[in-house]
Amino acid sequence: LKESAEKQGFTNVEAVSEDVNRFVAEDKNSYDTIVLDPPRTGCSSEILENIASKAEKIIYISCNPATLARDISRLKGFKLTTLKLYDMFPNTFHIETLAVLTRL
């Protein structure tokens, strides 16, 4: 991610490889944008609460529309501004979804 960001001219990207529960709970920074790509089961309420307190915008990538809907409903203080569906696995029922949420 860091190498790709640098090639594209981005200088304000931070890539973190750590247990998300620990990182989100201990991180005291705030961010313009957080990109969230959880497993099919979605995010815990604690992670969503911590992320919501740190971000102005959340880009949520999901492979499960049901957990995406559940998690978006838990993100208090945000509104859904963009929702795009991607059929990356033709002839299956799997759909990737990209949701952009902005702080109210």
PDB file of N, CA and C in Angstrom:
ATOM      1  N   LEU A   1       0.830  -1.188   0.000  1.00  0.00           N
ATOM      2  CA  LEU A   1       0.000   0.000   0.000  1.00  0.00           C
ATOM      3  C   LEU A   1       0.873   1.251   0.000  1.00  0.00           C
ATOM      4  N   LYS A   2       1.886   1.252   0.871  1.00  0.00           N
ATOM      5  CA  LYS A   2       2.740   2.430   0.974  1.00  0.00           C
ATOM      6  C   LYS A   2       3.456   2.712  -0.348  1.00  0.00           C
ATOM      7  N   GLU A   3       3.999   1.665  -0.960  1.00  0.00           N
ATOM      8  CA  GLU A   3       4.708   1.827  -2.235  1.00  0.00           C
ATOM      9  C   GLU A   3       3.763   2.320  -3.333  1.00  0.00           C
ATOM     10  N   SER A   4       2.568   1.754  -3.386  1.00  0.00           N
ATOM     11  CA  SER A   4       1.585   2.164  -4.384  1.00  0.00           C
ATOM     12  C   SER A   4       1.165   3.622  -4.170  1.00  0.00           C
ATOM     13  N   ALA A   5       0.940   3.999  -2.926  1.00  0.00           N
ATOM     14  CA  ALA A   5       0.551   5.379  -2.613  1.00  0.00           C
ATOM     15  C   ALA A   5       1.644   6.350  -3.040  1.00  0.00           C
ATOM     16  N   GLU A   6       2.898   6.012  -2.759  1.00  0.00           N
ATOM     17  CA  GLU A   6       4.008   6.884  -3.139  1.00  0.00           C
ATOM     18  C   GLU A   6       4.104   7.030  -4.652  1.00  0.00           C
ATOM     19  N   LYS A   7       3.911   5.938  -5.392  1.00  0.00           N
ATOM     20  CA  LYS A   7       3.951   5.994  -6.853  1.00  0.00           C
ATOM     21  C   LYS A   7       2.860   6.905  -7.408  1.00  0.00           C
ATOM     22  N   GLN A   8       1.725   6.971  -6.703  1.00  0.00           N
ATOM     23  CA  GLN A   8       0.607   7.818  -7.130  1.00  0.00           C
ATOM     24  C   GLN A   8       0.717   9.250  -6.626  1.00  0.00           C
ATOM     25  N   GLY A   9       1.757   9.538  -5.843  1.00  0.00           N
ATOM     26  CA  GLY A   9       1.982  10.890  -5.355  1.00  0.00           C
ATOM     27  C   GLY A   9       1.316  11.219  -4.029  1.00  0.00           C
ATOM     28  N   PHE A  10       0.760  10.220  -3.349  1.00  0.00           N
ATOM     29  CA  PHE A  10       0.144  10.466  -2.053  1.00  0.00           C
ATOM     30  C   PHE A  10       1.219  10.460  -0.974  1.00  0.00           C
ATOM     31  N   THR A  11       1.210  11.466  -0.146  1.00  0.00           N
ATOM     32  CA  THR A  11       2.218  11.550   0.916  1.00  0.00           C
ATOM     33  C   THR A  11       1.601  11.432   2.307  1.00  0.00           C
ATOM     34  N   ASN A  12       0.291  11.376   2.392  1.00  0.00           N
ATOM     35  CA  ASN A  12      -0.381  11.364   3.694  1.00  0.00           C
ATOM     36  C   ASN A  12      -1.117  10.053   3.960  1.00  0.00           C
ATOM     37  N   VAL A  13      -0.561   8.941   3.478  1.00  0.00           N
ATOM     38  CA  VAL A  13      -1.172   7.633   3.670  1.00  0.00           C
ATOM     39  C   VAL A  13      -0.366   6.853   4.700  1.00  0.00           C
ATOM     40  N   GLU A  14      -1.067   6.265   5.652  1.00  0.00           N
ATOM     41  CA  GLU A  14      -0.413   5.440   6.649  1.00  0.00           C
ATOM     42  C   GLU A  14      -0.968   4.020   6.549  1.00  0.00           C
ATOM     43  N   ALA A  15      -0.088   3.044   6.387  1.00  0.00           N
ATOM     44  CA  ALA A  15      -0.488   1.642   6.347  1.00  0.00           C
ATOM     45  C   ALA A  15      -0.091   1.004   7.665  1.00  0.00           C
ATOM     46  N   VAL A  16      -1.037   0.332   8.298  1.00  0.00           N
ATOM     47  CA  VAL A  16      -0.792  -0.292   9.593  1.00  0.00           C
ATOM     48  C   VAL A  16      -1.121  -1.774   9.473  1.00  0.00           C
ATOM     49  N   SER A  17      -0.203  -2.616   9.902  1.00  0.00           N
ATOM     50  CA  SER A  17      -0.424  -4.059   9.923  1.00  0.00           C
ATOM     51  C   SER A  17      -0.371  -4.511  11.375  1.00  0.00           C
ATOM     52  N   GLU A  18      -1.555  -4.570  11.988  1.00  0.00           N
ATOM     53  CA  GLU A  18      -1.645  -4.899  13.408  1.00  0.00           C
ATOM     54  C   GLU A  18      -3.046  -5.428  13.687  1.00  0.00           C
ATOM     55  N   ASP A  19      -3.233  -6.072  14.811  1.00  0.00           N
ATOM     56  CA  ASP A  19      -4.553  -6.514  15.222  1.00  0.00           C
ATOM     57  C   ASP A  19      -5.469  -5.295  15.320  1.00  0.00           C
ATOM     58  N   VAL A  20      -6.563  -5.312  14.575  1.00  0.00           N
ATOM     59  CA  VAL A  20      -7.428  -4.132  14.491  1.00  0.00           C
ATOM     60  C   VAL A  20      -8.044  -3.771  15.841  1.00  0.00           C
ATOM     61  N   ASN A  21      -8.417  -4.748  16.633  1.00  0.00           N
ATOM     62  CA  ASN A  21      -9.018  -4.451  17.935  1.00  0.00           C
ATOM     63  C   ASN A  21      -8.059  -3.662  18.818  1.00  0.00           C
ATOM     64  N   ARG A  22      -6.815  -4.113  18.857  1.00  0.00           N
ATOM     65  CA  ARG A  22      -5.808  -3.430  19.683  1.00  0.00           C
ATOM     66  C   ARG A  22      -5.489  -2.052  19.117  1.00  0.00           C
ATOM     67  N   PHE A  23      -5.266  -1.986  17.811  1.00  0.00           N
ATOM     68  CA  PHE A  23      -4.889  -0.715  17.202  1.00  0.00           C
ATOM     69  C   PHE A  23      -5.970   0.349  17.393  1.00  0.00           C
ATOM     70  N   VAL A  24      -7.194   0.003  17.082  1.00  0.00           N
ATOM     71  CA  VAL A  24      -8.284   0.983  17.164  1.00  0.00           C
ATOM     72  C   VAL A  24      -8.516   1.434  18.602  1.00  0.00           C
ATOM     73  N   ALA A  25      -8.407   0.522  19.549  1.00  0.00           N
ATOM     74  CA  ALA A  25      -8.623   0.877  20.947  1.00  0.00           C
ATOM     75  C   ALA A  25      -7.523   1.783  21.487  1.00  0.00           C
ATOM     76  N   GLU A  26      -6.279   1.581  21.034  1.00  0.00           N
ATOM     77  CA  GLU A  26      -5.138   2.330  21.568  1.00  0.00           C
ATOM     78  C   GLU A  26      -4.816   3.597  20.785  1.00  0.00           C
ATOM     79  N   ASP A  27      -5.248   3.682  19.546  1.00  0.00           N
ATOM     80  CA  ASP A  27      -4.912   4.820  18.686  1.00  0.00           C
ATOM     81  C   ASP A  27      -5.641   6.080  19.149  1.00  0.00           C
ATOM     82  N   LYS A  28      -4.899   7.153  19.357  1.00  0.00           N
ATOM     83  CA  LYS A  28      -5.482   8.412  19.826  1.00  0.00           C
ATOM     84  C   LYS A  28      -5.613   9.453  18.713  1.00  0.00           C
ATOM     85  N   ASN A  29      -5.230   9.093  17.480  1.00  0.00           N
ATOM     86  CA  ASN A  29      -5.279  10.028  16.356  1.00  0.00           C
ATOM     87  C   ASN A  29      -6.678  10.145  15.787  1.00  0.00           C
ATOM     88  N   SER A  30      -6.897  11.205  15.022  1.00  0.00           N
ATOM     89  CA  SER A  30      -8.108  11.325  14.219  1.00  0.00           C
ATOM     90  C   SER A  30      -7.675  11.355  12.760  1.00  0.00           C
ATOM     91  N   TYR A  31      -8.599  11.023  11.864  1.00  0.00           N
ATOM     92  CA  TYR A  31      -8.267  10.864  10.456  1.00  0.00           C
ATOM     93  C   TYR A  31      -9.328  11.514   9.582  1.00  0.00           C
ATOM     94  N   ASP A  32      -8.880  11.989   8.417  1.00  0.00           N
ATOM     95  CA  ASP A  32      -9.840  12.484   7.433  1.00  0.00           C
ATOM     96  C   ASP A  32     -10.684  11.337   6.909  1.00  0.00           C
ATOM     97  N   THR A  33     -10.011  10.237   6.539  1.00  0.00           N
ATOM     98  CA  THR A  33     -10.684   9.088   5.941  1.00  0.00           C
ATOM     99  C   THR A  33     -10.110   7.792   6.493  1.00  0.00           C
ATOM    100  N   ILE A  34     -10.992   6.859   6.796  1.00  0.00           N
ATOM    101  CA  ILE A  34     -10.587   5.515   7.187  1.00  0.00           C
ATOM    102  C   ILE A  34     -11.193   4.551   6.178  1.00  0.00           C
ATOM    103  N   VAL A  35     -10.355   3.655   5.638  1.00  0.00           N
ATOM    104  CA  VAL A  35     -10.816   2.607   4.731  1.00  0.00           C
ATOM    105  C   VAL A  35     -10.990   1.345   5.554  1.00  0.00           C
ATOM    106  N   LEU A  36     -12.162   0.784   5.483  1.00  0.00           N
ATOM    107  CA  LEU A  36     -12.525  -0.370   6.294  1.00  0.00           C
ATOM    108  C   LEU A  36     -12.905  -1.516   5.362  1.00  0.00           C
ATOM    109  N   ASP A  37     -12.228  -2.658   5.491  1.00  0.00           N
ATOM    110  CA  ASP A  37     -12.500  -3.848   4.671  1.00  0.00           C
ATOM    111  C   ASP A  37     -12.532  -5.068   5.587  1.00  0.00           C
ATOM    112  N   PRO A  38     -13.625  -5.246   6.326  1.00  0.00           N
ATOM    113  CA  PRO A  38     -13.699  -6.322   7.321  1.00  0.00           C
ATOM    114  C   PRO A  38     -13.974  -7.680   6.673  1.00  0.00           C
ATOM    115  N   PRO A  39     -13.866  -8.749   7.473  1.00  0.00           N
ATOM    116  CA  PRO A  39     -14.247 -10.071   6.971  1.00  0.00           C
ATOM    117  C   PRO A  39     -15.758 -10.132   6.744  1.00  0.00           C
ATOM    118  N   ARG A  40     -16.209 -11.225   6.177  1.00  0.00           N
ATOM    119  CA  ARG A  40     -17.632 -11.416   5.851  1.00  0.00           C
ATOM    120  C   ARG A  40     -18.544 -11.197   7.058  1.00  0.00           C
ATOM    121  N   THR A  41     -18.040 -11.458   8.260  1.00  0.00           N
ATOM    122  CA  THR A  41     -18.853 -11.297   9.476  1.00  0.00           C
ATOM    123  C   THR A  41     -19.036  -9.844   9.884  1.00  0.00           C
ATOM    124  N   GLY A  42     -18.346  -8.909   9.231  1.00  0.00           N
ATOM    125  CA  GLY A  42     -18.473  -7.498   9.569  1.00  0.00           C
ATOM    126  C   GLY A  42     -17.618  -7.096  10.745  1.00  0.00           C
ATOM    127  N   CYS A  43     -17.968  -5.971  11.356  1.00  0.00           N
ATOM    128  CA  CYS A  43     -17.190  -5.398  12.462  1.00  0.00           C
ATOM    129  C   CYS A  43     -17.937  -5.510  13.774  1.00  0.00           C
ATOM    130  N   SER A  44     -17.170  -5.535  14.849  1.00  0.00           N
ATOM    131  CA  SER A  44     -17.792  -5.507  16.170  1.00  0.00           C
ATOM    132  C   SER A  44     -18.284  -4.087  16.463  1.00  0.00           C
ATOM    133  N   SER A  45     -19.207  -3.981  17.376  1.00  0.00           N
ATOM    134  CA  SER A  45     -19.718  -2.663  17.781  1.00  0.00           C
ATOM    135  C   SER A  45     -18.610  -1.787  18.336  1.00  0.00           C
ATOM    136  N   GLU A  46     -17.668  -2.398  19.075  1.00  0.00           N
ATOM    137  CA  GLU A  46     -16.568  -1.637  19.674  1.00  0.00           C
ATOM    138  C   GLU A  46     -15.670  -1.020  18.604  1.00  0.00           C
ATOM    139  N   ILE A  47     -15.346  -1.790  17.586  1.00  0.00           N
ATOM    140  CA  ILE A  47     -14.515  -1.253  16.501  1.00  0.00           C
ATOM    141  C   ILE A  47     -15.237  -0.108  15.806  1.00  0.00           C
ATOM    142  N   LEU A  48     -16.512  -0.293  15.510  1.00  0.00           N
ATOM    143  CA  LEU A  48     -17.270   0.763  14.829  1.00  0.00           C
ATOM    144  C   LEU A  48     -17.355   2.025  15.677  1.00  0.00           C
ATOM    145  N   GLU A  49     -17.563   1.888  16.969  1.00  0.00           N
ATOM    146  CA  GLU A  49     -17.604   3.057  17.864  1.00  0.00           C
ATOM    147  C   GLU A  49     -16.281   3.804  17.839  1.00  0.00           C
ATOM    148  N   ASN A  50     -15.183   3.059  17.957  1.00  0.00           N
ATOM    149  CA  ASN A  50     -13.861   3.696  17.950  1.00  0.00           C
ATOM    150  C   ASN A  50     -13.559   4.367  16.620  1.00  0.00           C
ATOM    151  N   ILE A  51     -13.886   3.712  15.522  1.00  0.00           N
ATOM    152  CA  ILE A  51     -13.635   4.291  14.207  1.00  0.00           C
ATOM    153  C   ILE A  51     -14.482   5.548  14.016  1.00  0.00           C
ATOM    154  N   ALA A  52     -15.732   5.479  14.417  1.00  0.00           N
ATOM    155  CA  ALA A  52     -16.627   6.629  14.238  1.00  0.00           C
ATOM    156  C   ALA A  52     -16.134   7.855  14.989  1.00  0.00           C
ATOM    157  N   SER A  53     -15.453   7.644  16.098  1.00  0.00           N
ATOM    158  CA  SER A  53     -14.962   8.787  16.872  1.00  0.00           C
ATOM    159  C   SER A  53     -13.677   9.370  16.281  1.00  0.00           C
ATOM    160  N   LYS A  54     -13.078   8.707  15.289  1.00  0.00           N
ATOM    161  CA  LYS A  54     -11.782   9.125  14.759  1.00  0.00           C
ATOM    162  C   LYS A  54     -11.828   9.640  13.330  1.00  0.00           C
ATOM    163  N   ALA A  55     -12.927   9.450  12.604  1.00  0.00           N
ATOM    164  CA  ALA A  55     -12.945   9.722  11.165  1.00  0.00           C
ATOM    165  C   ALA A  55     -13.999  10.745  10.761  1.00  0.00           C
ATOM    166  N   GLU A  56     -13.691  11.480   9.716  1.00  0.00           N
ATOM    167  CA  GLU A  56     -14.674  12.360   9.089  1.00  0.00           C
ATOM    168  C   GLU A  56     -15.394  11.628   7.957  1.00  0.00           C
ATOM    169  N   LYS A  57     -14.673  10.683   7.327  1.00  0.00           N
ATOM    170  CA  LYS A  57     -15.244   9.898   6.234  1.00  0.00           C
ATOM    171  C   LYS A  57     -14.796   8.449   6.415  1.00  0.00           C
ATOM    172  N   ILE A  58     -15.702   7.522   6.105  1.00  0.00           N
ATOM    173  CA  ILE A  58     -15.391   6.095   6.155  1.00  0.00           C
ATOM    174  C   ILE A  58     -15.708   5.499   4.793  1.00  0.00           C
ATOM    175  N   ILE A  59     -14.732   4.823   4.223  1.00  0.00           N
ATOM    176  CA  ILE A  59     -14.943   4.055   2.999  1.00  0.00           C
ATOM    177  C   ILE A  59     -14.998   2.599   3.442  1.00  0.00           C
ATOM    178  N   TYR A  60     -16.159   1.989   3.284  1.00  0.00           N
ATOM    179  CA  TYR A  60     -16.410   0.636   3.784  1.00  0.00           C
ATOM    180  C   TYR A  60     -16.573  -0.287   2.582  1.00  0.00           C
ATOM    181  N   ILE A  61     -15.676  -1.262   2.477  1.00  0.00           N
ATOM    182  CA  ILE A  61     -15.733  -2.259   1.408  1.00  0.00           C
ATOM    183  C   ILE A  61     -16.254  -3.541   2.030  1.00  0.00           C
ATOM    184  N   SER A  62     -17.265  -4.136   1.409  1.00  0.00           N
ATOM    185  CA  SER A  62     -17.896  -5.302   2.014  1.00  0.00           C
ATOM    186  C   SER A  62     -18.196  -6.379   0.979  1.00  0.00           C
ATOM    187  N   CYS A  63     -18.043  -7.629   1.406  1.00  0.00           N
ATOM    188  CA  CYS A  63     -18.426  -8.764   0.558  1.00  0.00           C
ATOM    189  C   CYS A  63     -19.742  -9.381   1.038  1.00  0.00           C
ATOM    190  N   ASN A  64     -20.375  -8.737   2.031  1.00  0.00           N
ATOM    191  CA  ASN A  64     -21.615  -9.262   2.572  1.00  0.00           C
ATOM    192  C   ASN A  64     -22.598  -8.113   2.806  1.00  0.00           C
ATOM    193  N   PRO A  65     -23.567  -7.940   1.907  1.00  0.00           N
ATOM    194  CA  PRO A  65     -24.513  -6.824   2.054  1.00  0.00           C
ATOM    195  C   PRO A  65     -25.258  -6.811   3.387  1.00  0.00           C
ATOM    196  N   ALA A  66     -25.520  -7.974   3.968  1.00  0.00           N
ATOM    197  CA  ALA A  66     -26.257  -8.019   5.237  1.00  0.00           C
ATOM    198  C   ALA A  66     -25.439  -7.427   6.377  1.00  0.00           C
ATOM    199  N   THR A  67     -24.156  -7.787   6.476  1.00  0.00           N
ATOM    200  CA  THR A  67     -23.350  -7.230   7.559  1.00  0.00           C
ATOM    201  C   THR A  67     -23.003  -5.771   7.276  1.00  0.00           C
ATOM    202  N   LEU A  68     -22.897  -5.400   6.013  1.00  0.00           N
ATOM    203  CA  LEU A  68     -22.689  -3.989   5.676  1.00  0.00           C
ATOM    204  C   LEU A  68     -23.866  -3.156   6.187  1.00  0.00           C
ATOM    205  N   ALA A  69     -25.080  -3.595   5.891  1.00  0.00           N
ATOM    206  CA  ALA A  69     -26.269  -2.860   6.350  1.00  0.00           C
ATOM    207  C   ALA A  69     -26.311  -2.773   7.872  1.00  0.00           C
ATOM    208  N   ARG A  70     -26.004  -3.874   8.535  1.00  0.00           N
ATOM    209  CA  ARG A  70     -25.983  -3.877   9.998  1.00  0.00           C
ATOM    210  C   ARG A  70     -24.960  -2.881  10.532  1.00  0.00           C
ATOM    211  N   ASP A  71     -23.746  -2.921   9.969  1.00  0.00           N
ATOM    212  CA  ASP A  71     -22.682  -2.049  10.461  1.00  0.00           C
ATOM    213  C   ASP A  71     -22.958  -0.578  10.162  1.00  0.00           C
ATOM    214  N   ILE A  72     -23.515  -0.275   9.000  1.00  0.00           N
ATOM    215  CA  ILE A  72     -23.852   1.119   8.689  1.00  0.00           C
ATOM    216  C   ILE A  72     -24.879   1.643   9.688  1.00  0.00           C
ATOM    217  N   SER A  73     -25.834   0.816  10.074  1.00  0.00           N
ATOM    218  CA  SER A  73     -26.848   1.259  11.044  1.00  0.00           C
ATOM    219  C   SER A  73     -26.237   1.527  12.418  1.00  0.00           C
ATOM    220  N   ARG A  74     -25.092   0.920  12.698  1.00  0.00           N
ATOM    221  CA  ARG A  74     -24.399   1.133  13.981  1.00  0.00           C
ATOM    222  C   ARG A  74     -23.501   2.368  13.972  1.00  0.00           C
ATOM    223  N   LEU A  75     -23.209   2.899  12.804  1.00  0.00           N
ATOM    224  CA  LEU A  75     -22.314   4.060  12.714  1.00  0.00           C
ATOM    225  C   LEU A  75     -23.119   5.340  12.924  1.00  0.00           C
ATOM    226  N   LYS A  76     -23.328   5.689  14.155  1.00  0.00           N
ATOM    227  CA  LYS A  76     -24.098   6.882  14.506  1.00  0.00           C
ATOM    228  C   LYS A  76     -23.311   8.134  14.138  1.00  0.00           C
ATOM    229  N   GLY A  77     -24.017   9.140  13.637  1.00  0.00           N
ATOM    230  CA  GLY A  77     -23.377  10.399  13.281  1.00  0.00           C
ATOM    231  C   GLY A  77     -22.830  10.428  11.865  1.00  0.00           C
ATOM    232  N   PHE A  78     -23.140   9.403  11.065  1.00  0.00           N
ATOM    233  CA  PHE A  78     -22.687   9.346   9.679  1.00  0.00           C
ATOM    234  C   PHE A  78     -23.873   9.154   8.758  1.00  0.00           C
ATOM    235  N   LYS A  79     -23.723   9.636   7.527  1.00  0.00           N
ATOM    236  CA  LYS A  79     -24.751   9.378   6.515  1.00  0.00           C
ATOM    237  C   LYS A  79     -24.094   8.698   5.326  1.00  0.00           C
ATOM    238  N   LEU A  80     -24.848   7.823   4.702  1.00  0.00           N
ATOM    239  CA  LEU A  80     -24.396   7.120   3.518  1.00  0.00           C
ATOM    240  C   LEU A  80     -24.489   8.072   2.325  1.00  0.00           C
ATOM    241  N   THR A  81     -23.362   8.358   1.687  1.00  0.00           N
ATOM    242  CA  THR A  81     -23.374   9.289   0.554  1.00  0.00           C
ATOM    243  C   THR A  81     -23.179   8.602  -0.787  1.00  0.00           C
ATOM    244  N   THR A  82     -22.543   7.427  -0.788  1.00  0.00           N
ATOM    245  CA  THR A  82     -22.307   6.689  -2.031  1.00  0.00           C
ATOM    246  C   THR A  82     -22.420   5.203  -1.739  1.00  0.00           C
ATOM    247  N   LEU A  83     -23.050   4.484  -2.658  1.00  0.00           N
ATOM    248  CA  LEU A  83     -23.131   3.033  -2.555  1.00  0.00           C
ATOM    249  C   LEU A  83     -22.984   2.467  -3.964  1.00  0.00           C
ATOM    250  N   LYS A  84     -21.960   1.638  -4.172  1.00  0.00           N
ATOM    251  CA  LYS A  84     -21.719   1.033  -5.478  1.00  0.00           C
ATOM    252  C   LYS A  84     -21.557  -0.466  -5.314  1.00  0.00           C
ATOM    253  N   LEU A  85     -22.135  -1.201  -6.233  1.00  0.00           N
ATOM    254  CA  LEU A  85     -22.046  -2.657  -6.228  1.00  0.00           C
ATOM    255  C   LEU A  85     -21.131  -3.098  -7.361  1.00  0.00           C
ATOM    256  N   TYR A  86     -20.310  -4.104  -7.083  1.00  0.00           N
ATOM    257  CA  TYR A  86     -19.376  -4.627  -8.068  1.00  0.00           C
ATOM    258  C   TYR A  86     -19.558  -6.140  -8.164  1.00  0.00           C
ATOM    259  N   ASP A  87     -19.848  -6.615  -9.376  1.00  0.00           N
ATOM    260  CA  ASP A  87     -19.996  -8.047  -9.616  1.00  0.00           C
ATOM    261  C   ASP A  87     -18.647  -8.587 -10.078  1.00  0.00           C
ATOM    262  N   MET A  88     -17.792  -8.900  -9.123  1.00  0.00           N
ATOM    263  CA  MET A  88     -16.440  -9.364  -9.428  1.00  0.00           C
ATOM    264  C   MET A  88     -16.380 -10.879  -9.606  1.00  0.00           C
ATOM    265  N   PHE A  89     -17.465 -11.547  -9.307  1.00  0.00           N
ATOM    266  CA  PHE A  89     -17.520 -13.002  -9.403  1.00  0.00           C
ATOM    267  C   PHE A  89     -18.761 -13.398 -10.208  1.00  0.00           C
ATOM    268  N   PRO A  90     -18.700 -13.207 -11.538  1.00  0.00           N
ATOM    269  CA  PRO A  90     -19.874 -13.498 -12.381  1.00  0.00           C
ATOM    270  C   PRO A  90     -20.377 -14.927 -12.182  1.00  0.00           C
ATOM    271  N   ASN A  91     -21.667 -15.080 -12.346  1.00  0.00           N
ATOM    272  CA  ASN A  91     -22.347 -16.366 -12.231  1.00  0.00           C
ATOM    273  C   ASN A  91     -22.342 -16.916 -10.803  1.00  0.00           C
ATOM    274  N   THR A  92     -22.114 -16.049  -9.823  1.00  0.00           N
ATOM    275  CA  THR A  92     -22.265 -16.421  -8.418  1.00  0.00           C
ATOM    276  C   THR A  92     -23.160 -15.371  -7.761  1.00  0.00           C
ATOM    277  N   PHE A  93     -23.539 -15.603  -6.538  1.00  0.00           N
ATOM    278  CA  PHE A  93     -24.362 -14.633  -5.820  1.00  0.00           C
ATOM    279  C   PHE A  93     -23.520 -13.597  -5.078  1.00  0.00           C
ATOM    280  N   HIS A  94     -22.190 -13.706  -5.144  1.00  0.00           N
ATOM    281  CA  HIS A  94     -21.308 -12.798  -4.417  1.00  0.00           C
ATOM    282  C   HIS A  94     -21.252 -11.424  -5.082  1.00  0.00           C
ATOM    283  N   ILE A  95     -21.383 -10.388  -4.254  1.00  0.00           N
ATOM    284  CA  ILE A  95     -21.298  -9.002  -4.726  1.00  0.00           C
ATOM    285  C   ILE A  95     -20.415  -8.227  -3.766  1.00  0.00           C
ATOM    286  N   GLU A  96     -19.476  -7.501  -4.314  1.00  0.00           N
ATOM    287  CA  GLU A  96     -18.661  -6.588  -3.500  1.00  0.00           C
ATOM    288  C   GLU A  96     -19.374  -5.250  -3.471  1.00  0.00           C
ATOM    289  N   THR A  97     -19.335  -4.599  -2.339  1.00  0.00           N
ATOM    290  CA  THR A  97     -20.026  -3.326  -2.173  1.00  0.00           C
ATOM    291  C   THR A  97     -19.061  -2.295  -1.610  1.00  0.00           C
ATOM    292  N   LEU A  98     -19.119  -1.098  -2.166  1.00  0.00           N
ATOM    293  CA  LEU A  98     -18.332   0.019  -1.665  1.00  0.00           C
ATOM    294  C   LEU A  98     -19.304   1.079  -1.175  1.00  0.00           C
ATOM    295  N   ALA A  99     -19.189   1.409   0.102  1.00  0.00           N
ATOM    296  CA  ALA A  99     -20.044   2.434   0.698  1.00  0.00           C
ATOM    297  C   ALA A  99     -19.175   3.558   1.215  1.00  0.00           C
ATOM    298  N   VAL A 100     -19.585   4.788   0.942  1.00  0.00           N
ATOM    299  CA  VAL A 100     -18.888   5.959   1.473  1.00  0.00           C
ATOM    300  C   VAL A 100     -19.831   6.641   2.450  1.00  0.00           C
ATOM    301  N   LEU A 101     -19.332   6.838   3.668  1.00  0.00           N
ATOM    302  CA  LEU A 101     -20.118   7.489   4.721  1.00  0.00           C
ATOM    303  C   LEU A 101     -19.393   8.747   5.159  1.00  0.00           C
ATOM    304  N   THR A 102     -20.138   9.821   5.348  1.00  0.00           N
ATOM    305  CA  THR A 102     -19.555  11.078   5.800  1.00  0.00           C
ATOM    306  C   THR A 102     -20.225  11.514   7.099  1.00  0.00           C
ATOM    307  N   ARG A 103     -19.442  12.191   7.911  1.00  0.00           N
ATOM    308  CA  ARG A 103     -19.954  12.684   9.191  1.00  0.00           C
ATOM    309  C   ARG A 103     -21.056  13.705   8.945  1.00  0.00           C
ATOM    310  N   LEU A 104     -22.114  13.631   9.745  1.00  0.00           N
ATOM    311  CA  LEU A 104     -23.219  14.598   9.651  1.00  0.00           C
ATOM    312  C   LEU A 104     -22.804  15.961  10.124  1.00  0.00           C
TER     313      LEU A 104
END
